[in-house]
Protein backbone atom coordinates (compact mmCIF):
# COMPACT_ATOMS: atom_id res chain seq x y z
CA UNK A 1 55.73 25.97 -6.09
CA UNK A 2 54.87 29.64 -6.41
CA UNK A 3 52.30 28.83 -8.72
CA UNK A 4 50.46 26.77 -6.12
CA UNK A 5 50.03 28.85 -3.60
CA UNK A 6 48.42 31.63 -5.74
CA UNK A 7 45.81 29.07 -6.29
CA UNK A 8 45.41 28.12 -3.07
CA UNK A 9 42.72 30.21 -1.92
CA UNK A 10 40.62 28.88 -5.14
CA UNK A 11 41.27 25.56 -3.92
CA UNK A 12 40.34 26.19 -0.16
CA UNK A 13 37.24 28.19 -1.70
CA UNK A 14 36.16 24.98 -3.63
CA UNK A 15 36.78 22.54 -1.25
CA UNK A 16 34.83 24.66 1.50
CA UNK A 17 31.92 24.98 -0.91
CA UNK A 18 31.31 21.34 -1.59
CA UNK A 19 31.88 20.20 1.86
CA UNK A 20 29.11 22.91 2.43
CA UNK A 21 26.84 21.50 -0.04
CA UNK A 22 27.71 17.86 0.56
CA UNK A 23 26.68 18.17 4.21
CA UNK A 24 23.50 20.07 3.60
CA UNK A 25 22.35 17.50 0.84
CA UNK A 26 23.21 14.47 3.80
CA UNK A 27 21.40 16.87 6.40
CA UNK A 28 18.17 17.27 4.05
CA UNK A 29 18.22 13.68 2.84
CA UNK A 30 18.35 12.53 6.82
CA UNK A 31 14.96 14.61 7.40
CA UNK A 32 13.53 13.66 4.54
CA UNK A 33 14.42 10.03 5.25
CA UNK A 34 12.82 10.76 9.07
CA UNK A 35 9.63 11.87 7.55
CA UNK A 36 9.20 8.99 5.78
CA UNK A 37 9.63 6.88 8.92
CA UNK A 38 7.37 8.59 11.30
CA UNK A 39 4.80 8.21 8.43
CA UNK A 40 5.29 4.39 7.98
CA UNK A 41 5.85 3.98 11.79
CA UNK A 42 2.23 4.44 12.20
CA UNK A 43 0.19 1.25 13.47
CA UNK A 44 3.27 -0.62 14.67
CA UNK A 45 5.21 -0.82 10.91
CA UNK A 46 2.55 -0.81 8.86
CA UNK A 47 2.02 1.03 5.70
CA UNK A 48 -1.21 2.68 5.51
CA UNK A 49 -2.35 5.12 2.86
CA UNK A 50 -1.28 8.63 3.42
CA UNK A 51 -4.92 9.70 3.42
CA UNK A 52 -6.00 7.27 6.15
CA UNK A 53 -8.57 9.52 7.47
CA UNK A 54 -9.78 10.88 3.87
CA UNK A 55 -11.60 10.03 1.03
CA UNK A 56 -8.84 9.69 -2.24
CA UNK A 57 -9.62 6.80 -4.09
CA UNK A 58 -6.67 4.15 -3.97
CA UNK A 59 -4.66 3.36 -6.66
CA UNK A 60 -4.81 0.46 -9.41
CA UNK A 61 -1.33 -1.09 -10.15
CA UNK A 62 0.17 -4.31 -11.64
CA UNK A 63 1.27 -6.76 -9.80
CA UNK A 64 3.08 -10.20 -12.15
CA UNK A 65 3.30 -13.14 -10.79
CA UNK A 66 5.42 -16.08 -12.02
CA UNK A 67 3.82 -19.69 -10.81
CA UNK A 68 5.78 -22.62 -9.95
CA UNK A 69 4.92 -24.24 -13.90
CA UNK A 70 6.36 -20.70 -15.38
CA UNK A 71 3.22 -19.41 -15.89
CA UNK A 72 3.52 -15.58 -16.06
CA UNK A 73 -0.08 -13.50 -14.73
CA UNK A 74 -0.29 -9.95 -14.60
CA UNK A 75 -3.05 -8.83 -12.17
CA UNK A 76 -4.84 -5.35 -12.17
CA UNK A 77 -5.06 -4.84 -8.12
CA UNK A 78 -6.05 -1.75 -6.45
CA UNK A 79 -4.50 -0.98 -2.61
CA UNK A 80 -1.15 -0.55 -1.51
CA UNK A 81 1.68 -2.73 -3.06
CA UNK A 82 3.53 -2.31 -0.27
CA UNK A 83 1.31 -4.08 1.95
CA UNK A 84 -2.24 -5.21 0.41
CA UNK A 85 -4.66 -5.09 -2.02
CA UNK A 86 -7.21 -7.32 -3.83
CA UNK A 87 -8.27 -7.89 -7.71
CA UNK A 88 -11.63 -9.21 -9.38
CA UNK A 89 -13.91 -8.05 -11.84
CA UNK A 90 -13.55 -4.23 -12.08
CA UNK A 91 -15.49 -2.00 -11.82
CA UNK A 92 -17.26 -2.85 -8.81
CA UNK A 93 -21.01 -2.98 -9.57
CA UNK A 94 -23.33 -2.29 -6.62
CA UNK A 95 -25.47 -5.40 -5.08
CA UNK A 96 -23.64 -7.87 -6.91
CA UNK A 97 -21.58 -10.48 -5.06
CA UNK A 98 -18.31 -11.07 -7.20
CA UNK A 99 -15.42 -13.40 -6.39
CA UNK A 100 -12.27 -11.46 -5.41
CA UNK A 101 -8.80 -12.17 -4.48
CA UNK A 102 -6.56 -10.42 -1.75
CA UNK A 103 -3.21 -10.58 -2.16
CA UNK A 104 -0.85 -9.88 1.11
CA UNK A 105 2.90 -8.58 0.30
CA UNK A 106 3.72 -7.57 3.67
CA UNK A 107 6.49 -9.14 5.58
CA UNK A 108 4.54 -9.92 9.23
CA UNK A 109 4.07 -13.90 9.61
CA UNK A 110 0.06 -13.34 8.87
CA UNK A 111 -0.56 -17.07 8.03
CA UNK A 112 -3.51 -18.51 9.86
CA UNK A 113 -4.18 -14.94 11.67
CA UNK A 114 -8.57 -13.75 11.89
CA UNK A 115 -8.96 -11.45 8.98
CA UNK A 116 -12.38 -9.09 9.02
CA UNK A 117 -12.78 -6.90 5.93
CA UNK A 118 -15.60 -3.95 7.23
CA UNK A 119 -16.15 -1.05 4.97
CA UNK A 120 -18.23 2.59 5.60
CA UNK A 121 -19.65 4.35 2.29
CA UNK A 122 -19.36 8.12 2.48
CA UNK A 123 -21.51 10.24 3.61
CA UNK A 124 -22.63 7.25 6.53
CA UNK A 125 -21.74 6.44 9.85
CA UNK A 126 -22.95 3.28 9.32
CA UNK A 127 -20.29 0.39 9.30
CA UNK A 128 -20.86 -2.97 7.56
CA UNK A 129 -19.12 -6.53 7.56
CA UNK A 130 -17.75 -7.32 4.14
CA UNK A 131 -16.11 -10.57 4.04
CA UNK A 132 -13.94 -12.71 6.59
CA UNK A 133 -11.49 -15.44 6.19
CA UNK A 134 -7.59 -15.63 6.39
CA UNK A 135 -4.53 -15.94 4.72
CA UNK A 136 -2.66 -19.74 4.74
CA UNK A 137 0.03 -20.78 3.79
CA UNK A 138 -1.16 -23.24 0.99
CA UNK A 139 -2.64 -19.85 -0.61
CA UNK A 140 1.15 -18.81 -1.18
CA UNK A 141 1.45 -17.44 -4.93
CA UNK A 142 4.93 -16.45 -4.43
CA UNK A 143 7.85 -16.26 -1.88
CA UNK A 144 6.36 -14.10 0.55
CA UNK A 145 2.97 -13.11 -1.46
CA UNK A 146 -0.48 -15.01 -0.23
CA UNK A 147 -3.52 -15.15 -1.16
CA UNK A 148 -6.88 -14.77 0.00
CA UNK A 149 -10.25 -15.40 -1.78
CA UNK A 150 -13.71 -13.77 -0.26
CA UNK A 151 -17.05 -12.50 -1.86
CA UNK A 152 -17.43 -8.90 -1.56
CA UNK A 153 -21.04 -7.20 -2.17
CA UNK A 154 -21.43 -3.44 -1.69
CA UNK A 155 -25.05 -2.92 -1.24
CA UNK A 156 -24.95 0.34 -2.60
CA UNK A 157 -23.46 2.75 -5.51
CA UNK A 158 -20.67 5.74 -4.10
CA UNK A 159 -17.02 5.65 -2.54
CA UNK A 160 -16.28 2.89 -0.02
CA UNK A 161 -13.87 3.06 2.15
CA UNK A 162 -12.60 -0.96 3.13
CA UNK A 163 -10.86 -1.23 6.16
CA UNK A 164 -8.69 -4.59 6.53
CA UNK A 165 -8.13 -6.03 10.07
CA UNK A 166 -6.06 -8.72 10.54
CA UNK A 167 -6.31 -10.44 14.08
CA UNK A 168 -8.24 -7.61 15.15
CA UNK A 169 -5.88 -4.54 14.39
CA UNK A 170 -6.55 -2.15 11.44
CA UNK A 171 -3.79 -3.41 8.99
CA UNK A 172 -4.98 -1.29 5.94
CA UNK A 173 -8.28 0.79 4.34
CA UNK A 174 -8.32 0.98 0.35
CA UNK A 175 -11.08 3.69 -0.88
CA UNK A 176 -12.97 2.10 -3.98
CA UNK A 177 -15.64 3.45 -6.10
CA UNK A 178 -18.85 1.39 -6.71
CA UNK A 179 -20.87 1.91 -9.57
CA UNK A 180 -24.49 1.80 -9.61
CA UNK A 181 -25.81 -1.67 -12.02
CA UNK A 182 -27.18 0.64 -14.20
CA UNK A 183 -23.60 2.24 -14.96
């Protein structure tokens, strides 16, 4: 029994140190999560690009879809994998009207709500209408994923910020590079 008392201060030290480290890690995680919530709660919980006022190009990502017939297809999409993005012929060429397919990944019910897609060119104050439409239930690709077909045409090359409105509210911003027809 004497031995145990001799090591008790060391055991207490280790226990105290463990409690302090665990508490500081938990506090750090809570602060970090609070920062994420503040960022993602902007615009009624819709997740917008971190650089929503800037001009950083949006990222491409791969999205795999398994259709009802079992066919598996992978799409290259530009946008936000938590909200929406679009796929089509890349690179985007100025003055060409091409078909693009929009994917919605959010959890809100957006079926049959009007969608407007506008764009503004970097260095210009003009905003132009690119397309409009709606996501409808029959265009559901997989659970919680719907498509909206569209034709997009950017009048000139450069960096463009695509602004997506759903039911009259800004939902997402996607920054793309549009190439000239000559490459």
